[in-house]
Amino acid sequence: MIINTDYSKVLAAKLIEINAVVLRPHTPFKWTSGWNSPIYCDNRLTLRFPELRTSIADHLTDHISSEYPGTEVIAGTSTAGIPHASWIADRLSLPMAYVRSKPKQHGTTNQIEGGIKKGEKAVIIEDLISTGESALSVAKALEFVGVEVQAVYSIFSYGFDQALDKFSNKKLPLHFLTDYNTLIGIAVNKGNVEEKDLTLLNQWRKEPETWPR
């Protein structure tokens, strides 16, 4: 669910402006999953812009405060979710942890860093949602140690039906600041892509595994 539709458009335009999102419907990128993609999103570039990263943290913080006032810890996904989780935890004066995709292979072999207690209520901060597997694996790791995961928050979501179904089936709320559909609409208005490419772009979101046919 988009947190704020007005800010969603503002953020989408800004992500395009700073090249955090690049659209190439005719020369697609290749994801590590093997999927072809007309879009590449690198939200790490938001870290370079203090005003932008501040507005992202402010909107996420405000929504968490409103919807999940009982939150006791902010958990960032490793690595892209860590800085945003840090800023949110600081604003809320809450503990902050981060979770690796798997336990490290040396030292204490921790998967969860920063200290977290059984029974605490947490929200997860992710930079983007594609298949949803990354955020859901973090939720699983937290739940394994007895943490109550209240929701997942993300800067951007591709809006894949497969991913949204996974969160729905787990009954885990998913909130994001902007999404693929919003971004494509802004990109057309700004002239970053042509209207004739919309069919191609919409086909990808519906069938990313097999696109382009």
Protein backbone atom coordinates (compact mmCIF):
# COMPACT_ATOMS: atom_id res chain seq x y z
CA MET A 1 0.00 0.00 0.00
CA ILE A 2 1.28 3.45 -0.91
CA ILE A 3 1.63 5.61 2.19
CA ASN A 4 0.89 8.98 0.58
CA THR A 5 -0.19 9.28 -3.07
CA ASP A 6 0.93 12.90 -3.41
CA TYR A 7 4.40 12.21 -2.05
CA SER A 8 4.54 9.05 -4.16
CA LYS A 9 4.52 11.20 -7.31
CA VAL A 10 7.05 13.66 -5.92
CA LEU A 11 9.43 10.86 -4.94
CA ALA A 12 9.05 9.04 -8.26
CA ALA A 13 10.00 12.21 -10.13
CA LYS A 14 13.01 12.69 -7.87
CA LEU A 15 14.22 9.11 -8.30
CA ILE A 16 14.12 9.60 -12.07
CA GLU A 17 15.89 12.96 -11.78
CA ILE A 18 18.86 11.58 -9.80
CA ASN A 19 19.06 8.42 -11.98
CA ALA A 20 18.19 6.16 -9.07
CA VAL A 21 15.73 4.70 -11.56
CA VAL A 22 16.73 4.07 -15.17
CA LEU A 23 14.19 2.91 -17.78
CA ARG A 24 15.35 1.00 -20.89
CA PRO A 25 12.35 -0.80 -22.42
CA HIS A 26 14.23 -1.67 -25.62
CA THR A 27 17.64 -2.56 -24.15
CA PRO A 28 16.67 -4.36 -20.94
CA PHE A 29 18.84 -5.00 -17.93
CA LYS A 30 19.56 -8.52 -16.68
CA TRP A 31 18.77 -9.21 -13.03
CA THR A 32 20.66 -11.75 -10.92
CA SER A 33 17.49 -13.85 -11.01
CA GLY A 34 17.94 -14.12 -14.78
CA TRP A 35 14.91 -11.95 -15.51
CA ASN A 36 15.09 -9.33 -18.24
CA SER A 37 13.98 -5.96 -16.95
CA PRO A 38 13.20 -2.58 -18.59
CA ILE A 39 13.98 -0.85 -15.28
CA TYR A 40 16.88 -0.66 -12.87
CA CYS A 41 16.39 0.85 -9.42
CA ASP A 42 19.32 1.83 -7.17
CA ASN A 43 17.95 3.61 -4.13
CA ARG A 44 21.44 3.85 -2.65
CA LEU A 45 21.80 6.99 -4.74
CA THR A 46 19.29 8.69 -2.41
CA LEU A 47 22.04 8.70 0.23
CA ARG A 48 23.90 11.35 -1.74
CA PHE A 49 21.05 13.88 -1.40
CA PRO A 50 20.45 15.06 2.19
CA GLU A 51 17.12 16.76 1.47
CA LEU A 52 15.75 13.69 -0.31
CA ARG A 53 16.91 11.15 2.24
CA THR A 54 15.48 13.37 4.99
CA SER A 55 12.06 13.50 3.34
CA ILE A 56 12.10 9.71 2.90
CA ALA A 57 12.93 9.17 6.56
CA ASP A 58 10.34 11.73 7.67
CA HIS A 59 7.49 10.12 5.73
CA LEU A 60 8.38 6.62 6.90
CA THR A 61 8.76 7.79 10.50
CA ASP A 62 5.43 9.62 10.51
CA HIS A 63 3.57 6.58 9.19
CA ILE A 64 5.20 4.17 11.64
CA SER A 65 4.37 6.51 14.53
CA SER A 66 0.76 6.71 13.40
CA GLU A 67 0.08 3.09 12.45
CA TYR A 68 2.42 1.17 14.77
CA PRO A 69 2.88 3.28 17.91
CA GLY A 70 3.89 0.22 19.92
CA THR A 71 7.01 -0.38 17.82
CA GLU A 72 10.01 -1.24 19.99
CA VAL A 73 12.80 -1.76 17.46
CA ILE A 74 13.56 -0.76 13.86
CA ALA A 75 15.15 -3.51 11.75
CA GLY A 76 16.97 -2.69 8.52
CA THR A 77 17.67 -5.17 5.75
CA SER A 78 21.34 -5.62 4.91
CA THR A 79 22.67 -3.59 3.30
CA ALA A 80 20.49 -1.02 1.55
CA GLY A 81 17.91 -0.75 4.33
CA ILE A 82 20.47 -0.04 7.06
CA PRO A 83 20.97 3.74 6.65
CA HIS A 84 17.26 4.46 6.36
CA ALA A 85 16.51 2.27 9.39
CA SER A 86 19.17 4.18 11.32
CA TRP A 87 17.61 7.57 10.60
CA ILE A 88 14.12 6.33 11.46
CA ALA A 89 15.29 4.71 14.71
CA ASP A 90 17.03 7.96 15.65
CA ARG A 91 13.86 10.01 15.04
CA LEU A 92 11.79 7.58 17.11
CA SER A 93 14.46 7.18 19.81
CA LEU A 94 14.24 3.40 19.36
CA PRO A 95 16.82 0.60 19.21
CA MET A 96 17.96 -0.36 15.74
CA ALA A 97 19.11 -3.71 14.38
CA TYR A 98 19.93 -5.07 10.97
CA VAL A 99 19.49 -8.49 9.47
CA ARG A 100 21.70 -10.27 6.96
CA SER A 101 20.28 -12.57 4.29
CA LYS A 102 22.13 -15.41 6.05
CA PRO A 103 24.41 -15.80 9.10
CA LYS A 104 27.97 -14.58 8.64
CA GLN A 105 30.58 -17.30 8.25
CA HIS A 106 33.00 -16.10 10.92
CA GLY A 107 33.15 -14.70 14.45
CA THR A 108 29.85 -15.00 16.29
CA THR A 109 28.07 -16.15 13.07
CA ASN A 110 25.25 -13.73 13.78
CA GLN A 111 22.51 -13.09 11.27
CA ILE A 112 20.91 -10.34 13.36
CA GLU A 113 23.16 -7.50 14.52
CA GLY A 114 22.55 -4.65 16.91
CA GLY A 115 20.81 -6.53 19.65
CA ILE A 116 17.18 -7.50 19.70
CA LYS A 117 15.03 -9.12 22.38
CA LYS A 118 12.46 -11.88 22.29
CA GLY A 119 8.94 -10.48 22.38
CA GLU A 120 9.83 -7.07 20.95
CA LYS A 121 7.65 -5.52 18.27
CA ALA A 122 9.59 -4.60 15.12
CA VAL A 123 9.09 -3.00 11.74
CA ILE A 124 11.40 -3.86 8.86
CA ILE A 125 12.90 -1.19 6.59
CA GLU A 126 13.77 -2.26 3.03
CA ASP A 127 14.90 -0.12 0.10
CA LEU A 128 12.80 -1.88 -2.55
CA ILE A 129 10.44 -4.80 -2.99
CA SER A 130 10.78 -6.99 -6.07
CA THR A 131 9.91 -10.65 -5.45
CA GLY A 132 9.55 -9.95 -1.72
CA GLU A 133 11.84 -12.83 -0.78
CA SER A 134 14.50 -10.63 0.83
CA ALA A 135 12.14 -8.84 3.22
CA LEU A 136 10.25 -12.03 4.01
CA SER A 137 13.48 -13.87 4.84
CA VAL A 138 14.34 -11.07 7.25
CA ALA A 139 10.89 -11.37 8.84
CA LYS A 140 11.42 -15.12 9.18
CA ALA A 141 14.79 -14.62 10.90
CA LEU A 142 13.30 -12.14 13.35
CA GLU A 143 10.30 -14.34 14.09
CA PHE A 144 12.63 -17.30 14.69
CA VAL A 145 14.13 -15.48 17.69
CA GLY A 146 10.73 -14.49 19.00
CA VAL A 147 10.31 -11.01 17.57
CA GLU A 148 6.84 -9.85 16.53
CA VAL A 149 7.13 -8.34 13.04
CA GLN A 150 4.38 -5.76 12.62
CA ALA A 151 5.02 -4.56 9.06
CA VAL A 152 7.52 -4.07 6.25
CA TYR A 153 8.28 -0.61 4.86
CA SER A 154 10.01 0.11 1.57
CA ILE A 155 10.99 3.12 -0.49
CA PHE A 156 9.92 1.50 -3.78
CA SER A 157 7.86 -1.50 -4.89
CA TYR A 158 7.68 -3.06 -8.33
CA GLY A 159 4.14 -4.13 -7.48
CA PHE A 160 4.45 -7.71 -8.73
CA ASP A 161 1.30 -9.67 -7.99
CA GLN A 162 3.45 -12.61 -6.89
CA ALA A 163 5.15 -10.51 -4.22
CA LEU A 164 1.97 -8.86 -2.98
CA ASP A 165 0.33 -12.28 -2.68
CA LYS A 166 3.21 -13.53 -0.53
CA PHE A 167 2.77 -10.69 1.96
CA SER A 168 -1.00 -11.15 1.93
CA ASN A 169 -0.73 -14.88 2.56
CA LYS A 170 1.62 -14.24 5.48
CA LYS A 171 -0.73 -11.52 6.76
CA LEU A 172 2.25 -9.16 6.94
CA PRO A 173 1.38 -5.54 6.05
CA LEU A 174 3.54 -3.97 3.34
CA HIS A 175 3.82 -0.18 3.01
CA PHE A 176 5.87 1.72 0.42
CA LEU A 177 6.49 5.30 -0.60
CA THR A 178 6.18 4.87 -4.36
CA ASP A 179 5.74 2.10 -6.91
CA TYR A 180 6.23 1.05 -10.50
CA ASN A 181 2.87 2.25 -11.81
CA THR A 182 3.34 5.70 -10.29
CA LEU A 183 6.86 5.95 -11.63
CA ILE A 184 5.88 4.95 -15.17
CA GLY A 185 3.15 7.59 -15.19
CA ILE A 186 5.63 10.25 -14.12
CA ALA A 187 8.20 9.02 -16.66
CA VAL A 188 5.68 9.40 -19.51
CA ASN A 189 4.72 12.91 -18.37
CA LYS A 190 8.36 13.94 -18.14
CA GLY A 191 9.22 12.43 -21.54
CA ASN A 192 11.59 9.78 -20.17
CA VAL A 193 9.64 7.09 -22.01
CA GLU A 194 7.17 7.30 -24.87
CA GLU A 195 3.50 6.35 -24.60
CA LYS A 196 4.00 3.74 -27.30
CA ASP A 197 6.28 1.88 -24.86
CA LEU A 198 3.58 1.58 -22.19
CA THR A 199 2.30 -1.76 -23.48
CA LEU A 200 5.80 -3.21 -23.27
CA LEU A 201 6.35 -1.82 -19.77
CA ASN A 202 3.00 -3.06 -18.51
CA GLN A 203 3.62 -6.53 -19.96
CA TRP A 204 6.85 -6.77 -17.98
CA ARG A 205 5.18 -6.00 -14.64
CA LYS A 206 2.53 -8.65 -15.27
CA GLU A 207 4.90 -11.38 -16.54
CA PRO A 208 8.46 -10.51 -15.46
CA GLU A 209 9.70 -14.11 -15.61
CA THR A 210 9.01 -14.51 -19.33
CA TRP A 211 9.36 -10.91 -20.60
CA PRO A 212 9.96 -10.12 -23.42
CA ARG A 213 8.19 -12.88 -25.26
